[in-house]
Amino acid sequence: MRRPTPPAKHPALEETAVLTSQVIIIGAGAAGLMCAMSAAARGRRVLLLDHANKAGKKILMSGGGRCNFTNLYCEPANFLSHNPHFCKSALARFTQWDFIALVARHGVPYHEKKLGQLFCDNKSSDILDLLLDECEQAGVDLRLSTSVGEITRVDGGYQLQTSIGPTHCESLVIATGGLSIPTLGATGIGYQIARQFGHNLLPTRAGLVPFTITDPQLKALCSELSGTSVEDCRITCNGQSFVENILFTHRGLSGPAILQISSYWQPGEAISIDLLPRIDLPAWLAEQQRERPNSELKTLLADLFTKKMAGLLAEHWLTSKPMKQYTPGELKVIAERLSDWQLVPAGTEGYRTAEVTLGGVDTREVSSKTMESLKSPGLYFIGEVLDVSGHLGGFNFQWAWASGYAAAQYV
């Protein structure tokens, strides 16, 4: 596939002092690419800029290299925002079915992994190539390795000082993402631009991110179990609950359930972990005591967990002995500890590994229909830079597609 021409060799730069376009989009990630291809398909002249040397880097690394590009069960309830109604309009106008149709049209093979999560059969680059092909066919002018400096509001739009020279547009779209995974090029430029044009920013923090644990005993347990996964745990915090896998790490806890609840957790708060939500533990323990009275607790727990985890839990947390030696009160305590493990994380891994950035541009100052700023006409915000964050499982990509498409109809 044809790649964009390096900026220094582009002939347009030698012919004109100001590169003029109807639409300039800053950020060639998921939202920016969707907006660019959709706006250009409407006949708009689109210039797409990105400071990275490759478009869609987050797309390429997502989903373990297979890109969880949407979710069959996407709905507004899967998103966090201080303005929870904001996402409804865009999500209704470009649904998961619309993106699935686009994927099918390009012949990209995919499958449902679980919980409605759709992944590429092959690799994430199938989705990126799809978007780049659409952009190329629509005539999008994509410039990589291009930095953006001063932006000023002028008659008829906006003027940008960039590393390829001055540029001018009628509509300026900010698709710069959040602060997550800085090694992929994440910066706060989108927030800076929003602030420059009078927008309020809601506090940002890492979301969909692993927890760290510093309590010596718990940290030792996590470290010894590093790499061990426990299926279908229920994690609860602040009235939110998720049933998914958890993963022990050298630094603390990770896995889908932990990432999900991290977006609802605040520093200093406890989370509750039910390690066996699908089992009636009091009844199970009573049954084991009747039928296997001479078996030790750790032996029985090895039927539910790995042998190593069963041994560590029983020896250091529950005290292992033959089942016939436990009193009803002791069995009750064991059941409670396994079904309501209360712990207070020390913190999170931060933006370094976070999949999303919570907070951002206050959506009360942005049109939910057009994504246009209510503070500065002709300025648009899409994707993760806005205070809209999805659950794990393809929802953040669907927000990128939906918000990018929404803005593209009006730029």
Protein backbone atom coordinates (compact mmCIF):
# COMPACT_ATOMS: atom_id res chain seq x y z
CA MET A 1 0.00 0.00 0.00
CA ARG A 2 1.23 3.49 -0.82
CA ARG A 3 2.58 5.32 2.23
CA PRO A 4 2.51 9.11 2.70
CA THR A 5 5.27 11.08 1.05
CA PRO A 6 7.91 12.36 3.50
CA PRO A 7 7.09 15.99 4.37
CA ALA A 8 10.41 17.47 3.20
CA LYS A 9 9.92 16.18 -0.34
CA HIS A 10 6.29 17.17 -0.83
CA PRO A 11 6.04 19.49 -3.87
CA ALA A 12 3.15 21.49 -2.39
CA LEU A 13 5.56 22.97 0.13
CA GLU A 14 7.69 24.46 -2.60
CA GLU A 15 4.73 26.01 -4.43
CA THR A 16 2.96 27.85 -1.64
CA ALA A 17 3.90 29.57 1.60
CA VAL A 18 0.71 28.48 3.38
CA LEU A 19 -0.68 25.00 2.97
CA THR A 20 -4.45 25.49 2.89
CA SER A 21 -7.07 22.87 3.53
CA GLN A 22 -10.74 22.91 4.41
CA VAL A 23 -10.16 20.53 7.33
CA ILE A 24 -7.04 19.90 9.41
CA ILE A 25 -7.05 17.00 11.82
CA ILE A 26 -4.33 16.71 14.45
CA GLY A 27 -3.77 13.08 15.39
CA ALA A 28 -3.72 10.06 13.07
CA GLY A 29 -5.02 7.54 15.57
CA ALA A 30 -8.33 5.70 15.46
CA ALA A 31 -10.57 8.78 15.81
CA GLY A 32 -8.47 10.96 13.52
CA LEU A 33 -8.31 8.38 10.74
CA MET A 34 -12.07 7.75 10.91
CA CYS A 35 -12.81 11.47 10.82
CA ALA A 36 -10.38 12.05 7.94
CA MET A 37 -11.71 9.30 5.69
CA SER A 38 -15.35 10.19 6.42
CA ALA A 39 -14.91 13.93 5.86
CA ALA A 40 -12.90 13.39 2.68
CA ALA A 41 -15.58 10.99 1.43
CA ARG A 42 -17.99 13.95 1.69
CA GLY A 43 -15.75 15.88 -0.67
CA ARG A 44 -13.91 17.90 1.96
CA ARG A 45 -10.22 18.63 1.44
CA VAL A 46 -8.54 17.06 4.48
CA LEU A 47 -5.01 17.42 5.87
CA LEU A 48 -4.20 14.85 8.57
CA LEU A 49 -1.16 15.58 10.76
CA ASP A 50 0.67 13.42 13.29
CA HIS A 51 3.98 13.93 15.07
CA ALA A 52 4.69 10.17 15.03
CA ASN A 53 6.48 8.41 12.20
CA LYS A 54 3.62 5.95 11.79
CA ALA A 55 -0.16 6.31 11.95
CA GLY A 56 -2.28 4.32 14.37
CA LYS A 57 0.40 3.03 16.71
CA LYS A 58 -2.14 2.30 19.44
CA ILE A 59 -4.23 0.35 16.96
CA LEU A 60 -1.25 -1.83 16.14
CA MET A 61 -0.51 -2.79 19.74
CA SER A 62 -4.11 -3.19 20.87
CA GLY A 63 -5.72 -6.49 21.75
CA GLY A 64 -2.41 -8.30 22.04
CA GLY A 65 -1.68 -7.43 18.41
CA ARG A 66 -5.11 -8.45 17.14
CA CYS A 67 -7.09 -5.25 17.81
CA ASN A 68 -10.34 -5.58 19.76
CA PHE A 69 -11.96 -3.16 17.31
CA THR A 70 -15.51 -3.03 18.71
CA ASN A 71 -18.05 -4.83 20.89
CA LEU A 72 -21.33 -6.44 19.87
CA TYR A 73 -23.03 -5.11 23.00
CA CYS A 74 -21.85 -1.51 22.88
CA GLU A 75 -24.22 0.95 24.55
CA PRO A 76 -23.91 4.23 26.48
CA ALA A 77 -23.82 2.39 29.81
CA ASN A 78 -20.35 1.12 28.86
CA PHE A 79 -18.86 4.61 29.09
CA LEU A 80 -17.67 6.87 31.91
CA SER A 81 -18.10 10.64 31.75
CA HIS A 82 -19.06 13.49 34.04
CA ASN A 83 -21.75 14.12 31.40
CA PRO A 84 -23.07 10.57 30.81
CA HIS A 85 -25.62 11.54 28.15
CA PHE A 86 -23.02 13.13 25.85
CA CYS A 87 -21.93 9.93 24.09
CA LYS A 88 -25.44 8.76 23.18
CA SER A 89 -25.91 10.78 19.99
CA ALA A 90 -22.65 9.80 18.31
CA LEU A 91 -22.92 6.15 19.33
CA ALA A 92 -26.43 5.98 17.85
CA ARG A 93 -25.34 7.45 14.51
CA PHE A 94 -22.32 5.22 13.93
CA THR A 95 -22.88 1.91 15.67
CA GLN A 96 -20.78 -1.22 16.11
CA TRP A 97 -22.74 -2.69 13.19
CA ASP A 98 -21.58 0.15 10.94
CA PHE A 99 -17.93 -0.56 11.73
CA ILE A 100 -18.46 -4.31 11.39
CA ALA A 101 -19.90 -3.66 7.92
CA LEU A 102 -16.80 -1.66 7.03
CA VAL A 103 -14.56 -4.49 8.25
CA ALA A 104 -16.57 -7.00 6.22
CA ARG A 105 -16.42 -4.81 3.11
CA HIS A 106 -12.63 -4.92 3.30
CA GLY A 107 -12.65 -8.69 3.78
CA VAL A 108 -10.95 -8.56 7.17
CA PRO A 109 -11.54 -11.87 8.99
CA TYR A 110 -12.57 -11.54 12.63
CA HIS A 111 -14.08 -13.46 15.51
CA GLU A 112 -15.84 -12.93 18.82
CA LYS A 113 -13.51 -13.80 21.67
CA LYS A 114 -15.99 -13.44 24.56
CA LEU A 115 -18.44 -10.95 26.01
CA GLY A 116 -19.06 -9.49 22.54
CA GLN A 117 -15.40 -8.56 22.00
CA LEU A 118 -14.49 -8.67 18.30
CA PHE A 119 -10.86 -9.31 17.32
CA CYS A 120 -9.03 -9.67 14.02
CA ASP A 121 -8.26 -13.27 13.10
CA ASN A 122 -4.84 -12.22 11.87
CA LYS A 123 -3.33 -8.97 13.15
CA SER A 124 -4.13 -5.40 14.15
CA SER A 125 -2.56 -4.01 11.01
CA ASP A 126 -5.61 -5.28 9.10
CA ILE A 127 -7.69 -2.57 10.79
CA LEU A 128 -5.03 0.11 10.33
CA ASP A 129 -4.59 -0.77 6.65
CA LEU A 130 -8.36 -0.61 6.20
CA LEU A 131 -8.43 2.94 7.58
CA LEU A 132 -5.38 4.05 5.60
CA ASP A 133 -6.82 2.59 2.39
CA GLU A 134 -10.09 4.46 2.98
CA CYS A 135 -8.14 7.67 3.57
CA GLU A 136 -6.08 7.17 0.43
CA GLN A 137 -9.11 6.44 -1.72
CA ALA A 138 -10.87 9.54 -0.40
CA GLY A 139 -7.82 11.75 -1.07
CA VAL A 140 -6.73 12.53 2.48
CA ASP A 141 -3.36 14.30 2.66
CA LEU A 142 -1.57 12.45 5.46
CA ARG A 143 1.62 14.00 6.84
CA LEU A 144 3.57 12.06 9.47
CA SER A 145 6.56 13.19 11.54
CA THR A 146 4.90 16.61 11.62
CA SER A 147 4.82 18.66 14.79
CA VAL A 148 2.31 21.43 15.52
CA GLY A 149 3.31 24.67 17.21
CA GLU A 150 1.33 27.87 17.60
CA ILE A 151 -2.35 27.83 16.66
CA THR A 152 -4.26 31.07 16.12
CA ARG A 153 -7.86 31.87 15.30
CA VAL A 154 -8.05 33.93 12.10
CA ASP A 155 -10.78 35.10 9.77
CA GLY A 156 -12.24 32.05 8.13
CA GLY A 157 -10.75 29.50 10.46
CA TYR A 158 -7.42 28.62 12.08
CA GLN A 159 -3.76 29.01 11.22
CA LEU A 160 -1.20 26.51 12.49
CA GLN A 161 2.55 26.78 12.59
CA THR A 162 3.91 23.31 11.86
CA SER A 163 7.19 21.64 10.98
CA ILE A 164 6.02 21.54 7.34
CA GLY A 165 5.32 25.26 7.40
CA PRO A 166 2.23 27.38 8.08
CA THR A 167 -1.14 25.76 7.40
CA HIS A 168 -4.67 27.13 7.30
CA CYS A 169 -8.09 25.52 7.63
CA GLU A 170 -11.76 26.30 8.08
CA SER A 171 -12.28 23.42 10.53
CA LEU A 172 -9.71 22.18 13.03
CA VAL A 173 -10.22 18.75 14.61
CA ILE A 174 -8.33 17.69 17.74
CA ALA A 175 -7.88 13.90 17.76
CA THR A 176 -4.72 13.75 19.83
CA GLY A 177 -5.86 11.16 22.38
CA GLY A 178 -4.95 11.21 26.06
CA LEU A 179 -1.84 10.64 28.14
CA SER A 180 -1.89 6.83 28.08
CA ILE A 181 1.20 4.89 27.01
CA PRO A 182 3.62 7.78 26.37
CA THR A 183 6.09 5.39 24.70
CA LEU A 184 3.66 5.32 21.76
CA GLY A 185 3.82 9.10 21.49
CA ALA A 186 1.00 10.25 23.78
CA THR A 187 1.26 13.92 24.80
CA GLY A 188 -0.98 16.53 26.39
CA ILE A 189 -1.14 18.78 23.32
CA GLY A 190 -4.87 18.27 22.89
CA TYR A 191 -5.51 19.52 26.41
CA GLN A 192 -3.25 22.51 25.81
CA ILE A 193 -5.20 23.45 22.68
CA ALA A 194 -8.51 23.07 24.50
CA ARG A 195 -7.32 25.30 27.33
CA GLN A 196 -6.02 27.87 24.85
CA PHE A 197 -9.48 28.26 23.35
CA GLY A 198 -11.25 28.59 26.68
CA HIS A 199 -12.24 25.03 27.47
CA ASN A 200 -12.48 23.59 30.95
CA LEU A 201 -10.50 20.40 31.56
CA LEU A 202 -11.71 17.79 33.98
CA PRO A 203 -8.94 16.15 36.05
CA THR A 204 -7.18 13.37 34.16
CA ARG A 205 -5.95 10.06 35.54
CA ALA A 206 -5.03 6.61 34.30
CA GLY A 207 -7.90 4.22 33.55
CA LEU A 208 -8.01 0.52 32.65
CA VAL A 209 -4.73 0.10 34.49
CA PRO A 210 -3.14 -2.51 36.85
CA PHE A 211 -2.99 -1.95 40.61
CA THR A 212 0.20 -1.83 42.62
CA ILE A 213 0.39 -3.24 46.15
CA THR A 214 2.96 -2.30 48.81
CA ASP A 215 1.59 -4.09 51.89
CA PRO A 216 4.47 -6.55 52.61
CA GLN A 217 2.32 -9.64 53.13
CA LEU A 218 0.05 -9.01 50.14
CA LYS A 219 2.96 -8.01 47.93
CA ALA A 220 4.76 -11.25 48.84
CA LEU A 221 1.64 -13.22 47.94
CA CYS A 222 1.27 -11.42 44.60
CA SER A 223 4.95 -11.86 43.82
CA GLU A 224 4.89 -15.60 44.57
CA LEU A 225 1.79 -16.00 42.41
CA SER A 226 3.09 -13.75 39.61
CA GLY A 227 1.74 -15.01 36.31
CA THR A 228 -1.13 -16.90 37.93
CA SER A 229 -4.58 -16.12 36.54
CA VAL A 230 -7.88 -16.76 38.33
CA GLU A 231 -10.94 -16.99 36.11
CA ASP A 232 -14.26 -15.26 36.69
CA CYS A 233 -13.60 -13.28 39.84
CA ARG A 234 -16.05 -10.59 40.89
CA ILE A 235 -14.40 -7.25 41.63
CA THR A 236 -16.47 -4.53 43.33
CA CYS A 237 -15.80 -0.88 44.14
CA ASN A 238 -18.02 2.19 44.46
CA GLY A 239 -21.15 0.30 43.48
CA GLN A 240 -19.60 -1.07 40.28
CA SER A 241 -18.92 -4.75 39.78
CA PHE A 242 -17.22 -6.82 37.07
CA VAL A 243 -16.84 -10.58 36.69
CA GLU A 244 -13.69 -11.40 34.73
CA ASN A 245 -10.21 -12.88 35.17
CA ILE A 246 -7.59 -11.42 37.51
CA LEU A 247 -3.84 -11.81 37.13
CA PHE A 248 -1.22 -11.69 39.89
CA THR A 249 1.92 -9.73 39.02
CA HIS A 250 5.23 -8.93 40.75
CA ARG A 251 3.90 -5.43 41.48
CA GLY A 252 0.29 -6.25 42.35
CA LEU A 253 -2.84 -7.20 40.43
CA SER A 254 -3.87 -6.99 36.79
CA GLY A 255 -6.17 -8.84 34.40
CA PRO A 256 -9.46 -7.73 32.81
CA ALA A 257 -11.49 -7.48 36.04
CA ILE A 258 -8.82 -5.35 37.72
CA LEU A 259 -8.46 -3.07 34.69
CA GLN A 260 -12.22 -2.57 34.57
CA ILE A 261 -12.62 -1.63 38.23
CA SER A 262 -9.55 0.63 38.19
CA SER A 263 -11.57 3.24 36.28
CA TYR A 264 -13.99 3.49 39.22
CA TRP A 265 -11.42 3.30 42.02
CA GLN A 266 -10.01 6.32 43.85
CA PRO A 267 -6.75 6.37 45.88
CA GLY A 268 -7.20 5.11 49.41
CA GLU A 269 -10.35 3.12 48.66
CA ALA A 270 -10.72 -0.61 49.18
CA ILE A 271 -11.79 -3.06 46.51
CA SER A 272 -13.61 -6.31 47.21
CA ILE A 273 -12.59 -9.48 45.39
CA ASP A 274 -14.83 -12.53 45.29
CA LEU A 275 -12.46 -15.25 44.09
CA LEU A 276 -15.27 -17.78 43.58
CA PRO A 277 -18.50 -15.93 42.74
CA ARG A 278 -20.04 -18.92 40.96
CA ILE A 279 -19.76 -21.18 44.01
CA ASP A 280 -21.90 -21.19 47.16
CA LEU A 281 -18.87 -21.36 49.43
CA PRO A 282 -20.58 -22.04 52.77
CA ALA A 283 -22.48 -24.95 51.20
CA TRP A 284 -19.36 -26.20 49.38
CA LEU A 285 -17.23 -26.14 52.54
CA ALA A 286 -19.92 -27.91 54.56
CA GLU A 287 -20.18 -30.58 51.88
CA GLN A 288 -16.40 -31.09 51.82
CA GLN A 289 -16.38 -31.41 55.61
CA ARG A 290 -19.03 -34.15 55.42
CA GLU A 291 -17.64 -36.08 52.48
CA ARG A 292 -13.87 -35.56 52.88
CA PRO A 293 -13.33 -34.93 56.61
CA ASN A 294 -9.70 -36.08 56.61
CA SER A 295 -8.62 -33.94 53.65
CA GLU A 296 -6.75 -30.73 54.34
CA LEU A 297 -8.22 -27.42 53.20
CA LYS A 298 -5.31 -26.75 50.84
CA THR A 299 -5.92 -30.07 49.08
CA LEU A 300 -9.56 -29.21 48.49
CA LEU A 301 -8.80 -25.67 47.35
CA ALA A 302 -6.47 -27.14 44.72
CA ASP A 303 -9.65 -28.30 42.97
CA LEU A 304 -10.63 -24.64 42.61
CA PHE A 305 -7.28 -22.88 42.17
CA THR A 306 -3.80 -23.89 41.07
CA LYS A 307 -2.02 -26.13 43.56
CA LYS A 308 0.47 -23.38 44.35
CA MET A 309 -2.20 -20.75 44.95
CA ALA A 310 -4.29 -23.15 47.07
CA GLY A 311 -1.26 -23.89 49.24
CA LEU A 312 -0.33 -20.23 49.71
CA LEU A 313 -3.88 -19.17 50.54
CA ALA A 314 -4.38 -22.03 52.97
CA GLU A 315 -1.04 -21.71 54.75
CA HIS A 316 -0.70 -17.93 55.01
CA TRP A 317 -4.24 -16.64 54.89
CA LEU A 318 -6.67 -19.31 56.06
CA THR A 319 -4.65 -21.83 58.14
CA SER A 320 -4.82 -25.31 56.64
CA LYS A 321 -5.85 -28.39 58.61
CA PRO A 322 -8.08 -31.45 58.09
CA MET A 323 -11.67 -30.41 57.36
CA LYS A 324 -13.06 -32.30 60.38
CA GLN A 325 -11.13 -29.97 62.70
CA TYR A 326 -12.90 -26.78 61.55
CA THR A 327 -15.75 -25.34 63.58
CA PRO A 328 -18.78 -23.88 61.76
CA GLY A 329 -17.54 -20.43 62.72
CA GLU A 330 -14.12 -21.07 61.19
CA LEU A 331 -15.69 -22.32 57.96
CA LYS A 332 -17.79 -19.17 57.84
CA VAL A 333 -14.63 -17.01 58.13
CA ILE A 334 -12.94 -18.98 55.33
CA ALA A 335 -15.96 -18.48 53.08
CA GLU A 336 -16.01 -14.75 53.83
CA ARG A 337 -12.32 -14.30 53.13
CA LEU A 338 -12.54 -16.08 49.78
CA SER A 339 -15.72 -14.27 48.72
CA ASP A 340 -14.95 -10.82 50.10
CA TRP A 341 -11.19 -10.25 49.99
CA GLN A 342 -10.85 -6.60 50.97
CA LEU A 343 -7.66 -4.84 49.94
CA VAL A 344 -6.52 -1.27 49.46
CA PRO A 345 -4.22 -0.88 46.45
CA ALA A 346 -1.24 1.41 46.95
CA GLY A 347 -1.90 2.93 43.54
CA THR A 348 -1.86 2.08 39.86
CA GLU A 349 0.82 1.54 37.23
CA GLY A 350 -0.12 4.98 35.89
CA TYR A 351 -0.14 6.22 32.31
CA ARG A 352 2.80 3.97 31.47
CA THR A 353 0.50 0.98 30.99
CA ALA A 354 -2.99 2.52 31.17
CA GLU A 355 -5.23 1.75 28.22
CA VAL A 356 -7.19 4.99 28.52
CA THR A 357 -7.09 8.43 30.12
CA LEU A 358 -10.05 9.33 32.29
CA GLY A 359 -11.23 12.94 32.30
CA GLY A 360 -10.22 15.50 29.70
CA VAL A 361 -12.11 18.14 27.73
CA ASP A 362 -15.40 18.92 29.48
CA THR A 363 -18.14 17.65 27.15
CA ARG A 364 -20.63 20.21 28.47
CA GLU A 365 -18.72 22.70 26.30
CA VAL A 366 -18.88 20.55 23.15
CA SER A 367 -21.87 19.77 20.91
CA SER A 368 -22.88 16.11 21.27
CA LYS A 369 -24.26 16.21 17.72
CA THR A 370 -21.32 17.75 15.86
CA MET A 371 -18.38 17.48 18.32
CA GLU A 372 -17.83 21.20 17.71
CA SER A 373 -16.60 23.48 20.46
CA LEU A 374 -19.23 25.71 22.00
CA LYS A 375 -16.42 28.13 22.85
CA SER A 376 -14.63 28.49 19.52
CA PRO A 377 -16.50 27.92 16.21
CA GLY A 378 -14.78 25.58 13.78
CA LEU A 379 -12.87 23.74 16.51
CA TYR A 380 -13.78 20.07 17.09
CA PHE A 381 -12.78 17.44 19.65
CA ILE A 382 -13.06 13.69 19.10
CA GLY A 383 -11.92 10.47 20.72
CA GLU A 384 -10.01 10.08 23.97
CA VAL A 385 -9.16 13.77 24.41
CA LEU A 386 -12.78 14.23 25.49
CA ASP A 387 -14.09 13.26 28.93
CA VAL A 388 -15.49 9.98 27.60
CA SER A 389 -13.84 6.66 28.47
CA GLY A 390 -15.13 3.18 27.69
CA HIS A 391 -14.94 -0.11 29.47
CA LEU A 392 -12.41 -2.72 28.42
CA GLY A 393 -13.49 -4.79 25.44
CA GLY A 394 -13.57 -2.68 22.26
CA PHE A 395 -15.68 0.17 23.60
CA ASN A 396 -12.98 2.84 23.37
CA PHE A 397 -12.40 2.03 19.71
CA GLN A 398 -16.14 2.27 19.08
CA TRP A 399 -16.13 5.73 20.68
CA ALA A 400 -13.25 6.71 18.39
CA TRP A 401 -15.15 5.53 15.31
CA ALA A 402 -18.45 7.12 16.40
CA SER A 403 -17.09 10.50 17.50
CA GLY A 404 -14.79 10.73 14.47
CA TYR A 405 -17.68 9.97 12.13
CA ALA A 406 -19.97 12.46 13.90
CA ALA A 407 -17.52 15.34 13.51
CA ALA A 408 -16.81 14.38 9.89
CA GLN A 409 -20.41 15.13 8.93
CA TYR A 410 -20.06 18.78 9.96
CA VAL A 411 -16.44 19.87 9.47
